[in-house]
Each structure stands twice: as structure tokens, then as C-alpha cells.
């Protein structure tokens, strides 16, 4: 998990704590909406991290395959 995702999750937790401590319903709901938004940001960041890792793996595999082809042709 990247620092971005961790930051977003931390902000969501803080928003939930603030919501728990609120006496006013509208303020509590505002904090809970913020927590949902932060959770969404975290989910998107984790998805991007996963996609980035898969792309890196794919490029590494392609690079390894092309190097093997070059080695075969040079032999």
C-alpha cells in the first residue's frame, strides 16, 4: 500500500472519530460523508497501485522474452 492510500485511510479514520464525538446530527453526517469520500480515494489509490504493479510485471516479462529472442538470434 502506498503512502497515498495510507494517508486516505488515516483521514477516513479521523473523520469517523470526529463523527463519533459530534452531538449535532448534521455535523456527524458531514464527517461520515467525508469518511466515505476518503475511503473512496483510498480504494482508487490501491487499485492504481495494483494496476501499476501488474503493468510493471507485464513489461518485465515482455523485456525478458525479447532479450531471450535476441540471444537466440545471436547464437
PDB file of N, CA and C in Angstrom:
ATOM      1  N   UNK A   1       0.842  -1.167   0.000  1.00  0.00           N
ATOM      2  CA  UNK A   1       0.000   0.000   0.000  1.00  0.00           C
ATOM      3  C   UNK A   1       0.897   1.242   0.000  1.00  0.00           C
ATOM      4  N   UNK A   2       0.540   2.176  -0.822  1.00  0.00           N
ATOM      5  CA  UNK A   2       1.349   3.392  -0.908  1.00  0.00           C
ATOM      6  C   UNK A   2       1.036   4.337   0.241  1.00  0.00           C
ATOM      7  N   UNK A   3       1.874   5.339   0.346  1.00  0.00           N
ATOM      8  CA  UNK A   3       1.635   6.335   1.385  1.00  0.00           C
ATOM      9  C   UNK A   3       0.359   7.117   1.100  1.00  0.00           C
ATOM     10  N   UNK A   4       0.010   7.260  -0.185  1.00  0.00           N
ATOM     11  CA  UNK A   4      -1.238   7.947  -0.516  1.00  0.00           C
ATOM     12  C   UNK A   4      -2.439   7.186   0.055  1.00  0.00           C
ATOM     13  N   UNK A   5      -2.490   5.909  -0.201  1.00  0.00           N
ATOM     14  CA  UNK A   5      -3.606   5.103   0.283  1.00  0.00           C
ATOM     15  C   UNK A   5      -3.646   5.117   1.808  1.00  0.00           C
ATOM     16  N   UNK A   6      -2.503   4.999   2.425  1.00  0.00           N
ATOM     17  CA  UNK A   6      -2.447   5.015   3.883  1.00  0.00           C
ATOM     18  C   UNK A   6      -2.921   6.368   4.419  1.00  0.00           C
ATOM     19  N   UNK A   7      -2.516   7.441   3.764  1.00  0.00           N
ATOM     20  CA  UNK A   7      -2.963   8.771   4.171  1.00  0.00           C
ATOM     21  C   UNK A   7      -4.482   8.879   4.092  1.00  0.00           C
ATOM     22  N   UNK A   8      -5.049   8.411   2.983  1.00  0.00           N
ATOM     23  CA  UNK A   8      -6.500   8.474   2.813  1.00  0.00           C
ATOM     24  C   UNK A   8      -7.225   7.655   3.878  1.00  0.00           C
ATOM     25  N   UNK A   9      -6.715   6.473   4.173  1.00  0.00           N
ATOM     26  CA  UNK A   9      -7.329   5.639   5.206  1.00  0.00           C
ATOM     27  C   UNK A   9      -7.241   6.293   6.578  1.00  0.00           C
ATOM     28  N   UNK A  10      -6.126   6.947   6.839  1.00  0.00           N
ATOM     29  CA  UNK A  10      -5.964   7.657   8.107  1.00  0.00           C
ATOM     30  C   UNK A  10      -6.959   8.803   8.210  1.00  0.00           C
ATOM     31  N   UNK A  11      -7.114   9.553   7.124  1.00  0.00           N
ATOM     32  CA  UNK A  11      -8.075  10.665   7.126  1.00  0.00           C
ATOM     33  C   UNK A  11      -9.504  10.148   7.329  1.00  0.00           C
ATOM     34  N   UNK A  12      -9.825   9.006   6.741  1.00  0.00           N
ATOM     35  CA  UNK A  12     -11.162   8.420   6.927  1.00  0.00           C
ATOM     36  C   UNK A  12     -11.377   8.054   8.388  1.00  0.00           C
ATOM     37  N   UNK A  13     -10.367   7.487   9.008  1.00  0.00           N
ATOM     38  CA  UNK A  13     -10.477   7.114  10.419  1.00  0.00           C
ATOM     39  C   UNK A  13     -10.657   8.349  11.300  1.00  0.00           C
ATOM     40  N   UNK A  14      -9.935   9.411  10.985  1.00  0.00           N
ATOM     41  CA  UNK A  14     -10.066  10.656  11.750  1.00  0.00           C
ATOM     42  C   UNK A  14     -11.480  11.216  11.589  1.00  0.00           C
ATOM     43  N   UNK A  15     -11.992  11.190  10.366  1.00  0.00           N
ATOM     44  CA  UNK A  15     -13.345  11.695  10.127  1.00  0.00           C
ATOM     45  C   UNK A  15     -14.375  10.884  10.916  1.00  0.00           C
ATOM     46  N   UNK A  16     -14.185   9.569  10.988  1.00  0.00           N
ATOM     47  CA  UNK A  16     -15.109   8.738  11.765  1.00  0.00           C
ATOM     48  C   UNK A  16     -15.033   9.053  13.261  1.00  0.00           C
ATOM     49  N   UNK A  17     -13.816   9.281  13.750  1.00  0.00           N
ATOM     50  CA  UNK A  17     -13.654   9.646  15.156  1.00  0.00           C
ATOM     51  C   UNK A  17     -14.346  10.976  15.446  1.00  0.00           C
ATOM     52  N   UNK A  18     -14.192  11.922  14.539  1.00  0.00           N
ATOM     53  CA  UNK A  18     -14.861  13.211  14.713  1.00  0.00           C
ATOM     54  C   UNK A  18     -16.381  13.042  14.701  1.00  0.00           C
ATOM     55  N   UNK A  19     -16.864  12.160  13.820  1.00  0.00           N
ATOM     56  CA  UNK A  19     -18.304  11.910  13.751  1.00  0.00           C
ATOM     57  C   UNK A  19     -18.805  11.298  15.057  1.00  0.00           C
ATOM     58  N   UNK A  20     -18.024  10.388  15.630  1.00  0.00           N
ATOM     59  CA  UNK A  20     -18.426   9.751  16.887  1.00  0.00           C
ATOM     60  C   UNK A  20     -18.529  10.760  18.025  1.00  0.00           C
ATOM     61  N   UNK A  21     -17.708  11.802  17.969  1.00  0.00           N
ATOM     62  CA  UNK A  21     -17.704  12.784  19.039  1.00  0.00           C
ATOM     63  C   UNK A  21     -18.674  13.934  18.843  1.00  0.00           C
ATOM     64  N   UNK A  22     -19.406  13.936  17.757  1.00  0.00           N
ATOM     65  CA  UNK A  22     -20.319  15.055  17.461  1.00  0.00           C
ATOM     66  C   UNK A  22     -21.672  14.874  18.128  1.00  0.00           C
ATOM     67  N   UNK A  23     -22.199  15.999  18.578  1.00  0.00           N
ATOM     68  CA  UNK A  23     -23.531  15.989  19.166  1.00  0.00           C
ATOM     69  C   UNK A  23     -24.583  16.403  18.144  1.00  0.00           C
ATOM     70  N   UNK A  24     -24.178  17.168  17.163  1.00  0.00           N
ATOM     71  CA  UNK A  24     -25.114  17.646  16.146  1.00  0.00           C
ATOM     72  C   UNK A  24     -25.191  16.653  14.980  1.00  0.00           C
ATOM     73  N   UNK A  25     -26.399  16.294  14.620  1.00  0.00           N
ATOM     74  CA  UNK A  25     -26.597  15.300  13.550  1.00  0.00           C
ATOM     75  C   UNK A  25     -26.007  15.750  12.224  1.00  0.00           C
ATOM     76  N   UNK A  26     -26.211  17.022  11.862  1.00  0.00           N
ATOM     77  CA  UNK A  26     -25.724  17.478  10.561  1.00  0.00           C
ATOM     78  C   UNK A  26     -24.195  17.465  10.490  1.00  0.00           C
ATOM     79  N   UNK A  27     -23.539  17.773  11.597  1.00  0.00           N
ATOM     80  CA  UNK A  27     -22.070  17.745  11.625  1.00  0.00           C
ATOM     81  C   UNK A  27     -21.587  16.301  11.574  1.00  0.00           C
ATOM     82  N   UNK A  28     -22.261  15.409  12.313  1.00  0.00           N
ATOM     83  CA  UNK A  28     -21.902  13.986  12.301  1.00  0.00           C
ATOM     84  C   UNK A  28     -22.027  13.430  10.880  1.00  0.00           C
ATOM     85  N   UNK A  29     -23.138  13.748  10.217  1.00  0.00           N
ATOM     86  CA  UNK A  29     -23.352  13.273   8.845  1.00  0.00           C
ATOM     87  C   UNK A  29     -22.297  13.820   7.899  1.00  0.00           C
ATOM     88  N   UNK A  30     -21.899  15.054   8.104  1.00  0.00           N
ATOM     89  CA  UNK A  30     -20.849  15.645   7.271  1.00  0.00           C
ATOM     90  C   UNK A  30     -19.528  14.885   7.434  1.00  0.00           C
ATOM     91  N   UNK A  31     -19.183  14.576   8.670  1.00  0.00           N
ATOM     92  CA  UNK A  31     -17.945  13.814   8.920  1.00  0.00           C
ATOM     93  C   UNK A  31     -18.042  12.407   8.325  1.00  0.00           C
ATOM     94  N   UNK A  32     -19.190  11.788   8.410  1.00  0.00           N
ATOM     95  CA  UNK A  32     -19.354  10.443   7.845  1.00  0.00           C
ATOM     96  C   UNK A  32     -19.270  10.474   6.319  1.00  0.00           C
ATOM     97  N   UNK A  33     -19.816  11.519   5.712  1.00  0.00           N
ATOM     98  CA  UNK A  33     -19.677  11.659   4.245  1.00  0.00           C
ATOM     99  C   UNK A  33     -18.219  11.855   3.860  1.00  0.00           C
ATOM    100  N   UNK A  34     -17.513  12.634   4.662  1.00  0.00           N
ATOM    101  CA  UNK A  34     -16.082  12.832   4.408  1.00  0.00           C
ATOM    102  C   UNK A  34     -15.336  11.512   4.526  1.00  0.00           C
ATOM    103  N   UNK A  35     -15.676  10.705   5.530  1.00  0.00           N
ATOM    104  CA  UNK A  35     -15.021   9.409   5.708  1.00  0.00           C
ATOM    105  C   UNK A  35     -15.264   8.516   4.499  1.00  0.00           C
ATOM    106  N   UNK A  36     -16.488   8.533   3.978  1.00  0.00           N
ATOM    107  CA  UNK A  36     -16.791   7.743   2.781  1.00  0.00           C
ATOM    108  C   UNK A  36     -15.960   8.208   1.593  1.00  0.00           C
ATOM    109  N   UNK A  37     -15.815   9.518   1.457  1.00  0.00           N
ATOM    110  CA  UNK A  37     -15.012  10.054   0.350  1.00  0.00           C
ATOM    111  C   UNK A  37     -13.552   9.629   0.490  1.00  0.00           C
ATOM    112  N   UNK A  38     -12.996   9.740   1.701  1.00  0.00           N
ATOM    113  CA  UNK A  38     -11.609   9.327   1.929  1.00  0.00           C
ATOM    114  C   UNK A  38     -11.432   7.840   1.643  1.00  0.00           C
ATOM    115  N   UNK A  39     -12.414   7.023   2.032  1.00  0.00           N
ATOM    116  CA  UNK A  39     -12.347   5.589   1.726  1.00  0.00           C
ATOM    117  C   UNK A  39     -12.336   5.358   0.217  1.00  0.00           C
ATOM    118  N   UNK A  40     -13.126   6.134  -0.505  1.00  0.00           N
ATOM    119  CA  UNK A  40     -13.140   6.018  -1.962  1.00  0.00           C
ATOM    120  C   UNK A  40     -11.798   6.382  -2.568  1.00  0.00           C
ATOM    121  N   UNK A  41     -11.193   7.457  -2.050  1.00  0.00           N
ATOM    122  CA  UNK A  41      -9.867   7.849  -2.533  1.00  0.00           C
ATOM    123  C   UNK A  41      -8.853   6.736  -2.270  1.00  0.00           C
ATOM    124  N   UNK A  42      -8.935   6.128  -1.096  1.00  0.00           N
ATOM    125  CA  UNK A  42      -8.013   5.047  -0.743  1.00  0.00           C
ATOM    126  C   UNK A  42      -8.202   3.853  -1.664  1.00  0.00           C
ATOM    127  N   UNK A  43      -9.449   3.509  -1.950  1.00  0.00           N
ATOM    128  CA  UNK A  43      -9.719   2.378  -2.843  1.00  0.00           C
ATOM    129  C   UNK A  43      -9.151   2.644  -4.232  1.00  0.00           C
ATOM    130  N   UNK A  44      -9.322   3.860  -4.721  1.00  0.00           N
ATOM    131  CA  UNK A  44      -8.783   4.204  -6.042  1.00  0.00           C
ATOM    132  C   UNK A  44      -7.261   4.156  -6.040  1.00  0.00           C
ATOM    133  N   UNK A  45      -6.643   4.634  -4.956  1.00  0.00           N
ATOM    134  CA  UNK A  45      -5.180   4.614  -4.866  1.00  0.00           C
ATOM    135  C   UNK A  45      -4.661   3.178  -4.836  1.00  0.00           C
ATOM    136  N   UNK A  46      -5.342   2.303  -4.093  1.00  0.00           N
ATOM    137  CA  UNK A  46      -4.915   0.899  -4.032  1.00  0.00           C
ATOM    138  C   UNK A  46      -5.111   0.214  -5.381  1.00  0.00           C
ATOM    139  N   UNK A  47      -6.191   0.536  -6.071  1.00  0.00           N
ATOM    140  CA  UNK A  47      -6.423  -0.029  -7.400  1.00  0.00           C
ATOM    141  C   UNK A  47      -5.336   0.438  -8.370  1.00  0.00           C
ATOM    142  N   UNK A  48      -4.980   1.709  -8.295  1.00  0.00           N
ATOM    143  CA  UNK A  48      -3.917   2.240  -9.155  1.00  0.00           C
ATOM    144  C   UNK A  48      -2.585   1.557  -8.852  1.00  0.00           C
ATOM    145  N   UNK A  49      -2.306   1.319  -7.575  1.00  0.00           N
ATOM    146  CA  UNK A  49      -1.069   0.619  -7.196  1.00  0.00           C
ATOM    147  C   UNK A  49      -1.042  -0.787  -7.783  1.00  0.00           C
ATOM    148  N   UNK A  50      -2.163  -1.467  -7.706  1.00  0.00           N
ATOM    149  CA  UNK A  50      -2.261  -2.821  -8.242  1.00  0.00           C
ATOM    150  C   UNK A  50      -2.060  -2.820  -9.754  1.00  0.00           C
ATOM    151  N   UNK A  51      -2.708  -1.893 -10.431  1.00  0.00           N
ATOM    152  CA  UNK A  51      -2.574  -1.809 -11.885  1.00  0.00           C
ATOM    153  C   UNK A  51      -1.139  -1.461 -12.274  1.00  0.00           C
ATOM    154  N   UNK A  52      -0.508  -0.582 -11.509  1.00  0.00           N
ATOM    155  CA  UNK A  52       0.874  -0.196 -11.787  1.00  0.00           C
ATOM    156  C   UNK A  52       1.801  -1.400 -11.619  1.00  0.00           C
ATOM    157  N   UNK A  53       1.588  -2.187 -10.575  1.00  0.00           N
ATOM    158  CA  UNK A  53       2.414  -3.374 -10.330  1.00  0.00           C
ATOM    159  C   UNK A  53       2.218  -4.410 -11.434  1.00  0.00           C
ATOM    160  N   UNK A  54       0.965  -4.603 -11.870  1.00  0.00           N
ATOM    161  CA  UNK A  54       0.700  -5.557 -12.943  1.00  0.00           C
ATOM    162  C   UNK A  54       1.339  -5.108 -14.254  1.00  0.00           C
ATOM    163  N   UNK A  55       1.298  -3.809 -14.531  1.00  0.00           N
ATOM    164  CA  UNK A  55       1.915  -3.270 -15.747  1.00  0.00           C
ATOM    165  C   UNK A  55       3.430  -3.451 -15.705  1.00  0.00           C
ATOM    166  N   UNK A  56       4.017  -3.215 -14.552  1.00  0.00           N
ATOM    167  CA  UNK A  56       5.460  -3.399 -14.404  1.00  0.00           C
ATOM    168  C   UNK A  56       5.835  -4.862 -14.608  1.00  0.00           C
ATOM    169  N   UNK A  57       5.035  -5.761 -14.062  1.00  0.00           N
ATOM    170  CA  UNK A  57       5.282  -7.189 -14.217  1.00  0.00           C
ATOM    171  C   UNK A  57       5.174  -7.590 -15.686  1.00  0.00           C
ATOM    172  N   UNK A  58       4.147  -7.062 -16.368  1.00  0.00           N
ATOM    173  CA  UNK A  58       3.959  -7.377 -17.784  1.00  0.00           C
ATOM    174  C   UNK A  58       5.129  -6.866 -18.617  1.00  0.00           C
ATOM    175  N   UNK A  59       5.568  -5.647 -18.349  1.00  0.00           N
ATOM    176  CA  UNK A  59       6.691  -5.082 -19.105  1.00  0.00           C
ATOM    177  C   UNK A  59       7.975  -5.854 -18.842  1.00  0.00           C
ATOM    178  N   UNK A  60       8.164  -6.292 -17.601  1.00  0.00           N
ATOM    179  CA  UNK A  60       9.353  -7.074 -17.273  1.00  0.00           C
ATOM    180  C   UNK A  60       9.336  -8.404 -18.015  1.00  0.00           C
ATOM    181  N   UNK A  61       8.152  -9.029 -18.081  1.00  0.00           N
ATOM    182  CA  UNK A  61       8.036 -10.300 -18.797  1.00  0.00           C
ATOM    183  C   UNK A  61       8.293 -10.107 -20.287  1.00  0.00           C
ATOM    184  N   UNK A  62       7.773  -9.032 -20.847  1.00  0.00           N
ATOM    185  CA  UNK A  62       7.991  -8.751 -22.268  1.00  0.00           C
ATOM    186  C   UNK A  62       9.457  -8.475 -22.534  1.00  0.00           C
ATOM    187  N   UNK A  63      10.096  -7.736 -21.639  1.00  0.00           N
ATOM    188  CA  UNK A  63      11.502  -7.411 -21.790  1.00  0.00           C
ATOM    189  C   UNK A  63      12.350  -8.680 -21.728  1.00  0.00           C
ATOM    190  N   UNK A  64      12.011  -9.560 -20.788  1.00  0.00           N
ATOM    191  CA  UNK A  64      12.751 -10.821 -20.668  1.00  0.00           C
ATOM    192  C   UNK A  64      12.571 -11.691 -21.898  1.00  0.00           C
ATOM    193  N   UNK A  65      11.369 -11.723 -22.454  1.00  0.00           N
ATOM    194  CA  UNK A  65      11.105 -12.522 -23.648  1.00  0.00           C
ATOM    195  C   UNK A  65      11.863 -11.972 -24.842  1.00  0.00           C
ATOM    196  N   UNK A  66      11.893 -10.652 -24.976  1.00  0.00           N
ATOM    197  CA  UNK A  66      12.589 -10.071 -26.121  1.00  0.00           C
ATOM    198  C   UNK A  66      14.098 -10.266 -26.003  1.00  0.00           C
ATOM    199  N   UNK A  67      14.621 -10.245 -24.781  1.00  0.00           N
ATOM    200  CA  UNK A  67      16.052 -10.486 -24.593  1.00  0.00           C
ATOM    201  C   UNK A  67      16.399 -11.925 -24.939  1.00  0.00           C
ATOM    202  N   UNK A  68      15.505 -12.861 -24.619  1.00  0.00           N
ATOM    203  CA  UNK A  68      15.752 -14.252 -24.961  1.00  0.00           C
ATOM    204  C   UNK A  68      15.724 -14.420 -26.475  1.00  0.00           C
ATOM    205  N   UNK A  69      14.831 -13.718 -27.178  1.00  0.00           N
ATOM    206  CA  UNK A  69      14.772 -13.802 -28.632  1.00  0.00           C
ATOM    207  C   UNK A  69      16.050 -13.285 -29.266  1.00  0.00           C
ATOM    208  N   UNK A  70      16.552 -12.188 -28.725  1.00  0.00           N
ATOM    209  CA  UNK A  70      17.804 -11.604 -29.243  1.00  0.00           C
ATOM    210  C   UNK A  70      18.951 -12.567 -29.018  1.00  0.00           C
ATOM    211  N   UNK A  71      19.018 -13.188 -27.848  1.00  0.00           N
ATOM    212  CA  UNK A  71      20.070 -14.146 -27.543  1.00  0.00           C
ATOM    213  C   UNK A  71      19.997 -15.356 -28.464  1.00  0.00           C
ATOM    214  N   UNK A  72      18.779 -15.787 -28.782  1.00  0.00           N
ATOM    215  CA  UNK A  72      18.594 -16.921 -29.670  1.00  0.00           C
ATOM    216  C   UNK A  72      19.036 -16.571 -31.078  1.00  0.00           C
ATOM    217  N   UNK A  73      18.716 -15.367 -31.531  1.00  0.00           N
ATOM    218  CA  UNK A  73      19.092 -14.945 -32.872  1.00  0.00           C
ATOM    219  C   UNK A  73      20.590 -14.754 -33.000  1.00  0.00           C
ATOM    220  N   UNK A  74      21.261 -14.333 -31.928  1.00  0.00           N
ATOM    221  CA  UNK A  74      22.700 -14.119 -31.963  1.00  0.00           C
ATOM    222  C   UNK A  74      23.460 -15.430 -31.956  1.00  0.00           C
ATOM    223  N   UNK A  75      22.838 -16.505 -31.511  1.00  0.00           N
ATOM    224  CA  UNK A  75      23.536 -17.798 -31.420  1.00  0.00           C
ATOM    225  C   UNK A  75      23.725 -18.445 -32.745  1.00  0.00           C
TER     226      UNK A  75
END
